[in-house]
């Protein structure tokens, strides 16, 4: 994830790793449930248990949806391939609200930095522009693309502080307006396909339980 997945990596960029794991079904039968997420073992690595990941994705969490659509995948098993095949089931017009709400919160932080320090955190400004562009294009096309393509150089110029804040702010307002307009006639469904995702989760949990039972015999 991060700059490497977005196509914005430079020589000093970190490698942010995100993953999804399946906790054995039998662990859910205990009073103490398995963790919903784990950090590590590598630096900048974080993973979600499958059910938690799906629940957040169904709510159109921007970070989760971007993880699900990352063009860079280091490891995937059969269950992971099924999850990737379900990517479209998680997408809905709810993304307009969640992406916009997240972007608004980030913009308020940038504006506070400008008032306090005279300038925003330029890296955060770059990523906010990237997120707004991604949201607008998702609402326009029904597909989530997180690699920035030809916008790489303009965005990196923002990160380097080479674009005046007034221009960056105008850029943000324009993208937010275009996202609002795209939401009106978006090809995305009003709601995600929760039933399809739930069927997948039940099948995976059942298969896990059957494997554990067979192993114990």
N, C-alpha and C. Protein backbone atom coordinates (compact mmCIF):
# COMPACT_ATOMS: atom_id res chain seq x y z
N UNK A 1 0.84 -1.19 0.00
CA UNK A 1 0.00 0.00 0.00
C UNK A 1 0.89 1.25 0.00
N UNK A 2 0.26 2.40 0.26
CA UNK A 2 1.02 3.64 0.34
C UNK A 2 1.53 4.09 -1.02
N UNK A 3 2.60 4.86 -0.97
CA UNK A 3 3.12 5.48 -2.19
C UNK A 3 3.50 4.47 -3.27
N UNK A 4 3.95 3.29 -2.87
CA UNK A 4 4.36 2.30 -3.88
C UNK A 4 3.15 1.79 -4.66
N UNK A 5 2.03 1.58 -3.99
CA UNK A 5 0.82 1.14 -4.67
C UNK A 5 0.20 2.27 -5.49
N UNK A 6 0.35 3.51 -5.00
CA UNK A 6 -0.26 4.65 -5.67
C UNK A 6 0.55 5.12 -6.88
N UNK A 7 1.77 4.60 -7.04
CA UNK A 7 2.62 5.08 -8.12
C UNK A 7 3.28 6.40 -7.78
N UNK A 8 3.47 6.68 -6.49
CA UNK A 8 4.05 7.95 -6.04
C UNK A 8 5.34 7.74 -5.26
N UNK A 9 5.90 6.54 -5.33
CA UNK A 9 7.10 6.24 -4.56
C UNK A 9 8.31 7.01 -5.09
N UNK A 10 9.15 7.43 -4.16
CA UNK A 10 10.43 8.03 -4.47
C UNK A 10 11.51 7.22 -3.75
N UNK A 11 12.76 7.65 -3.87
CA UNK A 11 13.86 6.86 -3.30
C UNK A 11 13.70 6.64 -1.79
N UNK A 12 13.11 7.59 -1.08
CA UNK A 12 13.02 7.46 0.36
C UNK A 12 11.70 6.90 0.86
N UNK A 13 10.87 6.39 -0.02
CA UNK A 13 9.54 5.91 0.38
C UNK A 13 9.62 4.60 1.17
N UNK A 14 8.76 4.49 2.19
CA UNK A 14 8.65 3.25 2.95
C UNK A 14 7.90 2.20 2.13
N UNK A 15 7.99 0.95 2.58
CA UNK A 15 7.18 -0.11 2.00
C UNK A 15 6.10 -0.48 2.99
N UNK A 16 4.88 -0.04 2.73
CA UNK A 16 3.74 -0.29 3.61
C UNK A 16 3.06 -1.59 3.19
N UNK A 17 3.00 -2.55 4.10
CA UNK A 17 2.40 -3.86 3.81
C UNK A 17 1.07 -3.99 4.54
N UNK A 18 0.04 -4.41 3.83
CA UNK A 18 -1.28 -4.65 4.41
C UNK A 18 -1.75 -6.03 3.97
N UNK A 19 -2.42 -6.72 4.88
CA UNK A 19 -2.84 -8.08 4.54
C UNK A 19 -4.15 -8.47 5.19
N UNK A 20 -4.63 -9.63 4.81
CA UNK A 20 -5.85 -10.20 5.37
C UNK A 20 -5.54 -11.64 5.76
N UNK A 21 -5.95 -12.04 6.97
CA UNK A 21 -5.71 -13.41 7.42
C UNK A 21 -7.03 -14.05 7.85
N UNK A 22 -7.08 -15.36 7.80
CA UNK A 22 -8.25 -16.12 8.21
C UNK A 22 -7.96 -16.82 9.52
N UNK A 23 -8.64 -16.40 10.59
CA UNK A 23 -8.49 -17.09 11.88
C UNK A 23 -9.25 -18.42 11.82
N UNK A 24 -8.69 -19.50 12.37
CA UNK A 24 -9.39 -20.79 12.37
C UNK A 24 -10.77 -20.67 13.01
N UNK A 25 -11.74 -21.30 12.41
CA UNK A 25 -13.13 -21.18 12.88
C UNK A 25 -13.29 -21.58 14.34
N UNK A 26 -12.57 -22.59 14.78
CA UNK A 26 -12.71 -23.07 16.15
C UNK A 26 -12.38 -22.00 17.18
N UNK A 27 -11.56 -21.05 16.83
CA UNK A 27 -11.20 -19.99 17.78
C UNK A 27 -12.40 -19.11 18.13
N UNK A 28 -13.39 -19.05 17.25
CA UNK A 28 -14.56 -18.21 17.50
C UNK A 28 -15.54 -18.89 18.46
N UNK A 29 -15.32 -20.17 18.78
CA UNK A 29 -16.20 -20.87 19.70
C UNK A 29 -15.80 -20.66 21.16
N UNK A 30 -14.67 -19.97 21.37
CA UNK A 30 -14.18 -19.72 22.71
C UNK A 30 -14.70 -18.37 23.22
N UNK A 31 -14.63 -18.17 24.53
CA UNK A 31 -15.02 -16.88 25.10
C UNK A 31 -14.09 -15.77 24.59
N UNK A 32 -12.82 -16.07 24.53
CA UNK A 32 -11.85 -15.09 24.03
C UNK A 32 -11.70 -15.28 22.52
N UNK A 33 -12.17 -14.33 21.77
CA UNK A 33 -12.17 -14.43 20.31
C UNK A 33 -10.78 -14.09 19.75
N UNK A 34 -10.53 -14.53 18.53
CA UNK A 34 -9.25 -14.19 17.89
C UNK A 34 -9.18 -12.70 17.61
N UNK A 35 -7.99 -12.16 17.40
CA UNK A 35 -7.85 -10.72 17.16
C UNK A 35 -8.49 -10.29 15.84
N UNK A 36 -9.01 -9.08 15.81
CA UNK A 36 -9.57 -8.54 14.56
C UNK A 36 -8.48 -8.00 13.65
N UNK A 37 -7.29 -7.80 14.22
CA UNK A 37 -6.16 -7.31 13.42
C UNK A 37 -4.87 -7.60 14.18
N UNK A 38 -3.77 -7.60 13.45
CA UNK A 38 -2.45 -7.78 14.06
C UNK A 38 -1.47 -6.84 13.38
N UNK A 39 -0.48 -6.39 14.15
CA UNK A 39 0.60 -5.57 13.59
C UNK A 39 1.85 -6.42 13.43
N UNK A 40 2.65 -6.12 12.38
CA UNK A 40 3.88 -6.85 12.15
C UNK A 40 3.63 -8.15 11.40
N UNK A 41 4.64 -9.03 11.32
CA UNK A 41 5.94 -8.93 12.00
C UNK A 41 6.92 -7.96 11.34
N UNK A 42 6.72 -7.61 10.08
CA UNK A 42 7.62 -6.69 9.40
C UNK A 42 7.28 -5.25 9.79
N UNK A 43 8.25 -4.34 9.68
CA UNK A 43 7.94 -2.92 9.91
C UNK A 43 6.88 -2.45 8.92
N UNK A 44 6.03 -1.54 9.35
CA UNK A 44 4.99 -0.97 8.48
C UNK A 44 4.03 -2.04 7.95
N UNK A 45 3.84 -3.13 8.71
CA UNK A 45 2.93 -4.20 8.29
C UNK A 45 1.73 -4.27 9.24
N UNK A 46 0.53 -4.44 8.66
CA UNK A 46 -0.70 -4.49 9.43
C UNK A 46 -1.66 -5.40 8.68
N UNK A 47 -2.36 -6.28 9.41
CA UNK A 47 -3.29 -7.22 8.76
C UNK A 47 -4.61 -7.28 9.52
N UNK A 48 -5.69 -7.50 8.77
CA UNK A 48 -7.03 -7.64 9.34
C UNK A 48 -7.52 -9.08 9.23
N UNK A 49 -8.26 -9.53 10.22
CA UNK A 49 -8.94 -10.82 10.11
C UNK A 49 -10.03 -10.66 9.04
N UNK A 50 -10.30 -11.71 8.31
CA UNK A 50 -11.16 -11.64 7.13
C UNK A 50 -12.51 -10.99 7.40
N UNK A 51 -13.18 -11.39 8.49
CA UNK A 51 -14.51 -10.85 8.76
C UNK A 51 -14.46 -9.34 9.02
N UNK A 52 -13.48 -8.90 9.79
CA UNK A 52 -13.33 -7.47 10.07
C UNK A 52 -13.05 -6.70 8.78
N UNK A 53 -12.19 -7.27 7.95
CA UNK A 53 -11.85 -6.63 6.68
C UNK A 53 -13.09 -6.47 5.80
N UNK A 54 -13.89 -7.54 5.70
CA UNK A 54 -15.10 -7.49 4.87
C UNK A 54 -16.11 -6.48 5.42
N UNK A 55 -16.26 -6.45 6.75
CA UNK A 55 -17.21 -5.52 7.36
C UNK A 55 -16.83 -4.08 7.05
N UNK A 56 -15.56 -3.76 7.16
CA UNK A 56 -15.10 -2.40 6.88
C UNK A 56 -15.24 -2.07 5.39
N UNK A 57 -14.94 -3.05 4.55
CA UNK A 57 -15.06 -2.82 3.10
C UNK A 57 -16.52 -2.58 2.70
N UNK A 58 -17.44 -3.31 3.32
CA UNK A 58 -18.86 -3.12 3.02
C UNK A 58 -19.34 -1.73 3.44
N UNK A 59 -18.66 -1.13 4.41
CA UNK A 59 -19.00 0.23 4.83
C UNK A 59 -18.24 1.27 4.02
N UNK A 60 -17.55 0.81 2.98
CA UNK A 60 -16.83 1.70 2.06
C UNK A 60 -15.72 2.47 2.75
N UNK A 61 -15.04 1.83 3.69
CA UNK A 61 -13.88 2.45 4.33
C UNK A 61 -12.81 2.70 3.27
N UNK A 62 -12.36 3.93 3.07
CA UNK A 62 -11.42 4.23 1.98
C UNK A 62 -10.13 3.42 2.05
N UNK A 63 -9.53 3.31 3.24
CA UNK A 63 -8.28 2.58 3.36
C UNK A 63 -8.43 1.11 3.01
N UNK A 64 -9.55 0.53 3.41
CA UNK A 64 -9.79 -0.89 3.14
C UNK A 64 -10.04 -1.13 1.65
N UNK A 65 -10.87 -0.29 1.05
CA UNK A 65 -11.16 -0.45 -0.37
C UNK A 65 -9.90 -0.28 -1.21
N UNK A 66 -9.05 0.66 -0.82
CA UNK A 66 -7.80 0.85 -1.56
C UNK A 66 -6.88 -0.35 -1.39
N UNK A 67 -6.88 -0.95 -0.21
CA UNK A 67 -6.09 -2.16 0.01
C UNK A 67 -6.59 -3.28 -0.91
N UNK A 68 -7.90 -3.42 -1.01
CA UNK A 68 -8.51 -4.47 -1.81
C UNK A 68 -8.21 -4.29 -3.30
N UNK A 69 -7.95 -3.06 -3.72
CA UNK A 69 -7.72 -2.77 -5.13
C UNK A 69 -6.26 -2.44 -5.44
N UNK A 70 -5.37 -2.71 -4.51
CA UNK A 70 -3.95 -2.43 -4.76
C UNK A 70 -3.46 -3.25 -5.95
N UNK A 71 -2.71 -2.62 -6.86
CA UNK A 71 -2.17 -3.37 -8.00
C UNK A 71 -0.97 -4.23 -7.62
N UNK A 72 -0.44 -4.06 -6.41
CA UNK A 72 0.74 -4.81 -5.97
C UNK A 72 0.34 -5.84 -4.93
N UNK A 73 0.44 -7.12 -5.28
CA UNK A 73 0.08 -8.21 -4.37
C UNK A 73 1.29 -9.11 -4.21
N UNK A 74 1.79 -9.25 -2.99
CA UNK A 74 2.99 -10.06 -2.75
C UNK A 74 2.66 -11.54 -2.58
N UNK A 75 1.50 -11.83 -1.95
CA UNK A 75 1.13 -13.24 -1.70
C UNK A 75 -0.38 -13.36 -1.67
N UNK A 76 -0.89 -14.39 -2.31
CA UNK A 76 -2.34 -14.64 -2.28
C UNK A 76 -2.58 -16.14 -2.38
N UNK A 77 -3.50 -16.66 -1.54
CA UNK A 77 -3.87 -18.07 -1.62
C UNK A 77 -5.26 -18.19 -2.25
N UNK A 78 -5.85 -19.38 -2.22
CA UNK A 78 -7.14 -19.58 -2.88
C UNK A 78 -8.23 -18.70 -2.27
N UNK A 79 -8.24 -18.59 -0.94
CA UNK A 79 -9.24 -17.74 -0.29
C UNK A 79 -9.03 -16.28 -0.68
N UNK A 80 -7.79 -15.86 -0.75
CA UNK A 80 -7.48 -14.50 -1.17
C UNK A 80 -7.92 -14.22 -2.58
N UNK A 81 -7.77 -15.20 -3.45
CA UNK A 81 -8.22 -15.01 -4.83
C UNK A 81 -9.74 -14.85 -4.90
N UNK A 82 -10.45 -15.60 -4.06
CA UNK A 82 -11.90 -15.45 -4.00
C UNK A 82 -12.27 -14.05 -3.52
N UNK A 83 -11.55 -13.57 -2.53
CA UNK A 83 -11.81 -12.22 -2.01
C UNK A 83 -11.56 -11.17 -3.09
N UNK A 84 -10.48 -11.32 -3.83
CA UNK A 84 -10.19 -10.37 -4.90
C UNK A 84 -11.26 -10.42 -5.99
N UNK A 85 -11.78 -11.60 -6.25
CA UNK A 85 -12.84 -11.72 -7.25
C UNK A 85 -14.13 -11.03 -6.80
N UNK A 86 -14.25 -10.79 -5.49
CA UNK A 86 -15.45 -10.14 -4.93
C UNK A 86 -15.32 -8.61 -4.86
N UNK A 87 -14.25 -8.07 -5.37
CA UNK A 87 -13.99 -6.64 -5.18
C UNK A 87 -15.18 -5.76 -5.56
N UNK A 88 -15.81 -6.08 -6.67
CA UNK A 88 -16.91 -5.23 -7.14
C UNK A 88 -18.11 -5.29 -6.21
N UNK A 89 -18.27 -6.39 -5.48
CA UNK A 89 -19.42 -6.54 -4.56
C UNK A 89 -19.37 -5.53 -3.42
N UNK A 90 -18.18 -5.04 -3.10
CA UNK A 90 -18.03 -4.10 -1.99
C UNK A 90 -18.30 -2.65 -2.40
N UNK A 91 -18.29 -2.39 -3.69
CA UNK A 91 -18.40 -1.01 -4.15
C UNK A 91 -19.85 -0.57 -4.26
N UNK A 92 -20.11 0.64 -3.79
CA UNK A 92 -21.45 1.22 -3.87
C UNK A 92 -21.33 2.73 -3.79
N UNK A 93 -22.46 3.40 -3.92
CA UNK A 93 -22.47 4.86 -3.82
C UNK A 93 -22.19 5.35 -2.42
N UNK A 94 -22.16 4.44 -1.46
CA UNK A 94 -21.76 4.81 -0.10
C UNK A 94 -20.34 5.39 -0.08
N UNK A 95 -19.54 5.01 -1.07
CA UNK A 95 -18.17 5.51 -1.14
C UNK A 95 -18.15 7.03 -1.23
N UNK A 96 -19.19 7.61 -1.83
CA UNK A 96 -19.23 9.08 -1.93
C UNK A 96 -19.19 9.70 -0.54
N UNK A 97 -20.02 9.19 0.35
CA UNK A 97 -20.07 9.75 1.70
C UNK A 97 -18.80 9.47 2.49
N UNK A 98 -18.31 8.23 2.45
CA UNK A 98 -17.15 7.88 3.27
C UNK A 98 -15.87 8.56 2.78
N UNK A 99 -15.67 8.57 1.47
CA UNK A 99 -14.47 9.23 0.94
C UNK A 99 -14.54 10.73 1.20
N UNK A 100 -15.72 11.32 0.99
CA UNK A 100 -15.88 12.76 1.18
C UNK A 100 -15.69 13.13 2.64
N UNK A 101 -16.28 12.34 3.56
CA UNK A 101 -16.15 12.63 4.98
C UNK A 101 -14.70 12.54 5.43
N UNK A 102 -14.00 11.51 4.95
CA UNK A 102 -12.59 11.36 5.30
C UNK A 102 -11.77 12.52 4.74
N UNK A 103 -12.05 12.89 3.48
CA UNK A 103 -11.32 13.99 2.84
C UNK A 103 -11.56 15.30 3.58
N UNK A 104 -12.79 15.53 4.01
CA UNK A 104 -13.10 16.77 4.72
C UNK A 104 -12.32 16.86 6.03
N UNK A 105 -12.24 15.75 6.75
CA UNK A 105 -11.47 15.73 7.99
C UNK A 105 -10.00 16.03 7.75
N UNK A 106 -9.44 15.45 6.69
CA UNK A 106 -8.04 15.71 6.36
C UNK A 106 -7.81 17.15 5.93
N UNK A 107 -8.77 17.69 5.19
CA UNK A 107 -8.62 19.08 4.73
C UNK A 107 -8.65 20.05 5.91
N UNK A 108 -9.49 19.80 6.90
CA UNK A 108 -9.55 20.66 8.07
C UNK A 108 -8.21 20.66 8.81
N UNK A 109 -7.55 19.50 8.85
CA UNK A 109 -6.23 19.43 9.49
C UNK A 109 -5.20 20.24 8.70
N UNK A 110 -5.28 20.18 7.37
CA UNK A 110 -4.36 20.97 6.54
C UNK A 110 -4.59 22.46 6.73
N UNK A 111 -5.85 22.85 6.77
CA UNK A 111 -6.17 24.27 6.96
C UNK A 111 -5.69 24.76 8.33
N UNK A 112 -5.77 23.90 9.34
CA UNK A 112 -5.27 24.27 10.67
C UNK A 112 -3.76 24.46 10.63
N UNK A 113 -3.06 23.62 9.87
CA UNK A 113 -1.61 23.78 9.74
C UNK A 113 -1.27 25.10 9.05
N UNK A 114 -2.05 25.46 8.05
CA UNK A 114 -1.80 26.72 7.34
C UNK A 114 -1.98 27.90 8.29
N UNK A 115 -3.03 27.86 9.10
CA UNK A 115 -3.27 28.95 10.05
C UNK A 115 -2.19 29.03 11.11
N UNK A 116 -1.71 27.85 11.55
CA UNK A 116 -0.75 27.80 12.65
C UNK A 116 0.69 28.00 12.19
N UNK A 117 1.03 27.35 11.08
CA UNK A 117 2.43 27.32 10.64
C UNK A 117 2.67 28.05 9.31
N UNK A 118 1.60 28.49 8.67
CA UNK A 118 1.77 29.20 7.40
C UNK A 118 1.83 28.30 6.19
N UNK A 119 1.82 27.00 6.41
CA UNK A 119 1.86 26.05 5.29
C UNK A 119 1.31 24.71 5.76
N UNK A 120 0.76 23.92 4.84
CA UNK A 120 0.24 22.60 5.23
C UNK A 120 1.37 21.58 5.23
N UNK A 121 1.07 20.39 5.67
CA UNK A 121 1.98 19.26 5.47
C UNK A 121 1.80 18.81 4.04
N UNK A 122 2.76 19.12 3.21
CA UNK A 122 2.59 18.97 1.76
C UNK A 122 2.36 17.52 1.34
N UNK A 123 2.99 16.58 2.04
CA UNK A 123 2.77 15.17 1.70
C UNK A 123 1.31 14.80 1.93
N UNK A 124 0.73 15.28 3.02
CA UNK A 124 -0.67 15.00 3.30
C UNK A 124 -1.59 15.66 2.28
N UNK A 125 -1.20 16.86 1.84
CA UNK A 125 -1.98 17.55 0.80
C UNK A 125 -1.97 16.74 -0.49
N UNK A 126 -0.81 16.20 -0.84
CA UNK A 126 -0.71 15.37 -2.04
C UNK A 126 -1.64 14.17 -1.96
N UNK A 127 -1.62 13.49 -0.83
CA UNK A 127 -2.44 12.28 -0.71
C UNK A 127 -3.93 12.60 -0.66
N UNK A 128 -4.28 13.77 -0.15
CA UNK A 128 -5.68 14.16 -0.16
C UNK A 128 -6.16 14.41 -1.58
N UNK A 129 -5.33 15.04 -2.39
CA UNK A 129 -5.68 15.25 -3.80
C UNK A 129 -5.81 13.91 -4.52
N UNK A 130 -4.92 12.99 -4.20
CA UNK A 130 -4.99 11.67 -4.82
C UNK A 130 -6.29 10.96 -4.43
N UNK A 131 -6.65 11.05 -3.15
CA UNK A 131 -7.86 10.40 -2.68
C UNK A 131 -9.11 10.99 -3.35
N UNK A 132 -9.16 12.30 -3.45
CA UNK A 132 -10.30 12.96 -4.09
C UNK A 132 -10.42 12.59 -5.56
N UNK A 133 -9.28 12.49 -6.22
CA UNK A 133 -9.29 12.07 -7.63
C UNK A 133 -9.79 10.65 -7.77
N UNK A 134 -9.33 9.78 -6.88
CA UNK A 134 -9.76 8.38 -6.89
C UNK A 134 -11.25 8.26 -6.65
N UNK A 135 -11.77 9.03 -5.69
CA UNK A 135 -13.20 9.00 -5.38
C UNK A 135 -14.03 9.49 -6.56
N UNK A 136 -13.61 10.59 -7.16
CA UNK A 136 -14.35 11.13 -8.32
C UNK A 136 -14.40 10.11 -9.45
N UNK A 137 -13.27 9.50 -9.75
CA UNK A 137 -13.22 8.54 -10.85
C UNK A 137 -14.01 7.28 -10.54
N UNK A 138 -14.01 6.86 -9.27
CA UNK A 138 -14.82 5.71 -8.87
C UNK A 138 -16.29 5.99 -9.12
N UNK A 139 -16.75 7.16 -8.72
CA UNK A 139 -18.16 7.51 -8.89
C UNK A 139 -18.52 7.69 -10.36
N UNK A 140 -17.56 8.12 -11.15
CA UNK A 140 -17.82 8.29 -12.58
C UNK A 140 -17.87 6.97 -13.33
N UNK A 141 -16.96 6.07 -13.00
CA UNK A 141 -16.77 4.87 -13.80
C UNK A 141 -17.30 3.59 -13.16
N UNK A 142 -17.43 3.58 -11.82
CA UNK A 142 -17.82 2.36 -11.12
C UNK A 142 -16.64 1.46 -10.81
N UNK A 143 -15.42 1.91 -11.13
CA UNK A 143 -14.21 1.12 -10.86
C UNK A 143 -13.24 1.94 -10.02
N UNK A 144 -12.57 1.28 -9.08
CA UNK A 144 -11.62 1.97 -8.21
C UNK A 144 -10.20 1.72 -8.70
N UNK A 145 -9.55 2.78 -9.13
CA UNK A 145 -8.15 2.71 -9.56
C UNK A 145 -7.34 3.59 -8.63
N UNK A 146 -6.34 3.02 -7.98
CA UNK A 146 -5.58 3.81 -7.02
C UNK A 146 -4.22 4.24 -7.55
N UNK A 147 -3.76 3.67 -8.64
CA UNK A 147 -2.49 4.09 -9.25
C UNK A 147 -2.74 5.41 -9.99
N UNK A 148 -1.92 6.42 -9.72
CA UNK A 148 -2.23 7.78 -10.18
C UNK A 148 -1.90 8.04 -11.64
N UNK A 149 -1.08 7.20 -12.27
CA UNK A 149 -0.79 7.36 -13.69
C UNK A 149 -0.16 8.70 -14.03
N UNK A 150 -0.77 9.41 -14.96
CA UNK A 150 -0.19 10.66 -15.46
C UNK A 150 -0.24 11.80 -14.45
N UNK A 151 -0.93 11.58 -13.34
CA UNK A 151 -0.98 12.61 -12.30
C UNK A 151 0.23 12.54 -11.35
N UNK A 152 1.12 11.61 -11.60
CA UNK A 152 2.27 11.43 -10.70
C UNK A 152 3.08 12.72 -10.52
N UNK A 153 3.52 13.32 -11.60
CA UNK A 153 4.38 14.50 -11.50
C UNK A 153 3.67 15.70 -10.89
N UNK A 154 2.43 16.04 -11.31
CA UNK A 154 1.74 17.14 -10.63
C UNK A 154 1.57 16.90 -9.13
N UNK A 155 1.29 15.66 -8.73
CA UNK A 155 1.12 15.37 -7.32
C UNK A 155 2.44 15.45 -6.56
N UNK A 156 3.52 14.97 -7.16
CA UNK A 156 4.82 15.05 -6.50
C UNK A 156 5.28 16.50 -6.37
N UNK A 157 4.86 17.35 -7.31
CA UNK A 157 5.18 18.78 -7.20
C UNK A 157 4.50 19.38 -5.97
N UNK A 158 3.28 18.92 -5.69
CA UNK A 158 2.59 19.36 -4.47
C UNK A 158 3.36 18.87 -3.24
N UNK A 159 3.79 17.63 -3.24
CA UNK A 159 4.54 17.08 -2.11
C UNK A 159 5.81 17.87 -1.84
N UNK A 160 6.45 18.35 -2.91
CA UNK A 160 7.69 19.12 -2.75
C UNK A 160 7.43 20.58 -2.35
N UNK A 161 6.15 20.97 -2.25
CA UNK A 161 5.82 22.34 -1.87
C UNK A 161 5.99 23.33 -2.99
N UNK A 162 5.97 22.87 -4.23
CA UNK A 162 6.19 23.74 -5.38
C UNK A 162 4.91 24.38 -5.91
N UNK A 163 3.76 23.97 -5.37
CA UNK A 163 2.47 24.50 -5.81
C UNK A 163 1.90 25.35 -4.67
N UNK A 164 1.54 26.61 -4.94
CA UNK A 164 0.99 27.47 -3.88
C UNK A 164 -0.25 26.83 -3.24
N UNK A 165 -0.41 27.07 -1.94
CA UNK A 165 -1.55 26.50 -1.22
C UNK A 165 -2.87 26.92 -1.84
N UNK A 166 -2.97 28.15 -2.33
CA UNK A 166 -4.21 28.62 -2.93
C UNK A 166 -4.60 27.77 -4.14
N UNK A 167 -3.59 27.35 -4.92
CA UNK A 167 -3.87 26.50 -6.09
C UNK A 167 -4.26 25.09 -5.64
N UNK A 168 -3.58 24.58 -4.63
CA UNK A 168 -3.91 23.26 -4.11
C UNK A 168 -5.32 23.26 -3.55
N UNK A 169 -5.68 24.30 -2.84
CA UNK A 169 -7.01 24.41 -2.26
C UNK A 169 -8.07 24.46 -3.35
N UNK A 170 -7.80 25.23 -4.40
CA UNK A 170 -8.74 25.30 -5.53
C UNK A 170 -8.88 23.93 -6.19
N UNK A 171 -7.79 23.21 -6.30
CA UNK A 171 -7.79 21.87 -6.88
C UNK A 171 -8.67 20.94 -6.06
N UNK A 172 -8.54 21.02 -4.74
CA UNK A 172 -9.35 20.19 -3.85
C UNK A 172 -10.84 20.49 -3.99
N UNK A 173 -11.17 21.78 -4.03
CA UNK A 173 -12.57 22.17 -4.17
C UNK A 173 -13.14 21.66 -5.48
N UNK A 174 -12.37 21.79 -6.56
CA UNK A 174 -12.85 21.33 -7.87
C UNK A 174 -13.09 19.82 -7.87
N UNK A 175 -12.17 19.06 -7.30
CA UNK A 175 -12.32 17.60 -7.27
C UNK A 175 -13.52 17.19 -6.43
N UNK A 176 -13.72 17.86 -5.30
CA UNK A 176 -14.86 17.54 -4.44
C UNK A 176 -16.18 17.84 -5.15
N UNK A 177 -16.22 18.95 -5.88
CA UNK A 177 -17.42 19.31 -6.63
C UNK A 177 -17.69 18.29 -7.73
N UNK A 178 -16.63 17.89 -8.43
CA UNK A 178 -16.79 16.90 -9.50
C UNK A 178 -17.25 15.55 -8.94
N UNK A 179 -16.79 15.21 -7.74
CA UNK A 179 -17.23 13.96 -7.11
C UNK A 179 -18.72 14.04 -6.76
N UNK A 180 -19.15 15.20 -6.26
CA UNK A 180 -20.57 15.39 -5.94
C UNK A 180 -21.42 15.24 -7.19
N UNK A 181 -20.97 15.81 -8.28
CA UNK A 181 -21.72 15.74 -9.54
C UNK A 181 -21.74 14.31 -10.08
N UNK A 182 -20.62 13.61 -9.94
CA UNK A 182 -20.54 12.23 -10.44
C UNK A 182 -21.44 11.30 -9.64
N UNK A 183 -21.63 11.60 -8.36
CA UNK A 183 -22.44 10.73 -7.51
C UNK A 183 -23.90 10.68 -7.96
N UNK A 184 -24.37 11.75 -8.59
CA UNK A 184 -25.78 11.83 -9.00
C UNK A 184 -26.13 10.75 -10.01
N UNK A 185 -25.28 10.57 -10.99
CA UNK A 185 -25.57 9.57 -12.03
C UNK A 185 -24.59 8.42 -12.04
N UNK A 186 -24.02 8.11 -10.88
CA UNK A 186 -22.99 7.08 -10.80
C UNK A 186 -23.52 5.71 -11.21
N UNK A 187 -22.70 4.91 -11.93
CA UNK A 187 -23.11 3.54 -12.27
C UNK A 187 -23.03 2.58 -11.09
N UNK A 188 -22.51 3.05 -9.96
CA UNK A 188 -22.43 2.19 -8.78
C UNK A 188 -23.82 1.92 -8.22
N UNK A 189 -24.04 0.75 -7.63
CA UNK A 189 -25.33 0.48 -6.98
C UNK A 189 -25.46 1.29 -5.70
N UNK A 190 -26.68 1.52 -5.22
CA UNK A 190 -26.86 2.28 -3.98
C UNK A 190 -26.21 1.61 -2.77
N UNK A 191 -26.24 0.28 -2.74
CA UNK A 191 -25.71 -0.47 -1.60
C UNK A 191 -24.76 -1.56 -2.10
N UNK A 192 -23.81 -1.99 -1.26
CA UNK A 192 -22.94 -3.10 -1.65
C UNK A 192 -23.72 -4.41 -1.65
N UNK A 193 -23.14 -5.44 -2.25
CA UNK A 193 -23.79 -6.76 -2.30
C UNK A 193 -23.42 -7.55 -1.04
N UNK A 194 -24.05 -7.17 0.07
CA UNK A 194 -23.72 -7.77 1.36
C UNK A 194 -23.99 -9.28 1.38
N UNK A 195 -25.07 -9.72 0.77
CA UNK A 195 -25.42 -11.14 0.78
C UNK A 195 -24.34 -11.98 0.11
N UNK A 196 -23.81 -11.48 -0.99
CA UNK A 196 -22.77 -12.22 -1.72
C UNK A 196 -21.50 -12.33 -0.87
N UNK A 197 -21.14 -11.25 -0.20
CA UNK A 197 -19.96 -11.27 0.66
C UNK A 197 -20.18 -12.18 1.85
N UNK A 198 -21.36 -12.14 2.43
CA UNK A 198 -21.66 -12.99 3.59
C UNK A 198 -21.64 -14.47 3.20
N UNK A 199 -22.16 -14.81 2.03
CA UNK A 199 -22.10 -16.20 1.56
C UNK A 199 -20.65 -16.68 1.46
N UNK A 200 -19.80 -15.81 0.94
CA UNK A 200 -18.37 -16.12 0.84
C UNK A 200 -17.77 -16.37 2.22
N UNK A 201 -18.07 -15.49 3.17
CA UNK A 201 -17.52 -15.63 4.50
C UNK A 201 -17.99 -16.91 5.18
N UNK A 202 -19.26 -17.26 5.03
CA UNK A 202 -19.80 -18.49 5.62
C UNK A 202 -19.11 -19.72 5.02
N UNK A 203 -18.95 -19.72 3.70
CA UNK A 203 -18.29 -20.85 3.04
C UNK A 203 -16.86 -21.02 3.55
N UNK A 204 -16.17 -19.91 3.71
CA UNK A 204 -14.78 -19.98 4.17
C UNK A 204 -14.71 -20.47 5.62
N UNK A 205 -15.60 -19.98 6.47
CA UNK A 205 -15.62 -20.42 7.86
C UNK A 205 -15.96 -21.91 7.94
N UNK A 206 -16.94 -22.36 7.15
CA UNK A 206 -17.34 -23.77 7.16
C UNK A 206 -16.18 -24.66 6.70
N UNK A 207 -15.52 -24.24 5.64
CA UNK A 207 -14.40 -25.03 5.13
C UNK A 207 -13.28 -25.13 6.16
N UNK A 208 -13.04 -24.04 6.87
CA UNK A 208 -12.03 -24.05 7.93
C UNK A 208 -12.40 -25.04 9.03
N UNK A 209 -13.66 -25.02 9.44
CA UNK A 209 -14.12 -25.92 10.50
C UNK A 209 -14.00 -27.38 10.07
N UNK A 210 -14.33 -27.66 8.82
CA UNK A 210 -14.26 -29.04 8.32
C UNK A 210 -12.81 -29.52 8.26
N UNK A 211 -11.89 -28.63 7.87
CA UNK A 211 -10.48 -29.01 7.84
C UNK A 211 -9.98 -29.33 9.24
N UNK A 212 -10.38 -28.50 10.21
CA UNK A 212 -9.95 -28.73 11.58
C UNK A 212 -10.52 -30.03 12.14
N UNK A 213 -11.78 -30.33 11.81
CA UNK A 213 -12.41 -31.57 12.27
C UNK A 213 -11.70 -32.78 11.69
N UNK A 214 -11.40 -32.71 10.39
CA UNK A 214 -10.71 -33.82 9.74
C UNK A 214 -9.32 -34.03 10.33
N UNK A 215 -8.65 -32.94 10.69
CA UNK A 215 -7.31 -33.04 11.25
C UNK A 215 -7.32 -33.67 12.65
N UNK A 216 -8.43 -33.44 13.37
CA UNK A 216 -8.53 -33.96 14.74
C UNK A 216 -8.91 -35.42 14.82
N UNK A 217 -9.38 -35.99 13.73
CA UNK A 217 -9.83 -37.38 13.75
C UNK A 217 -8.65 -38.34 13.83
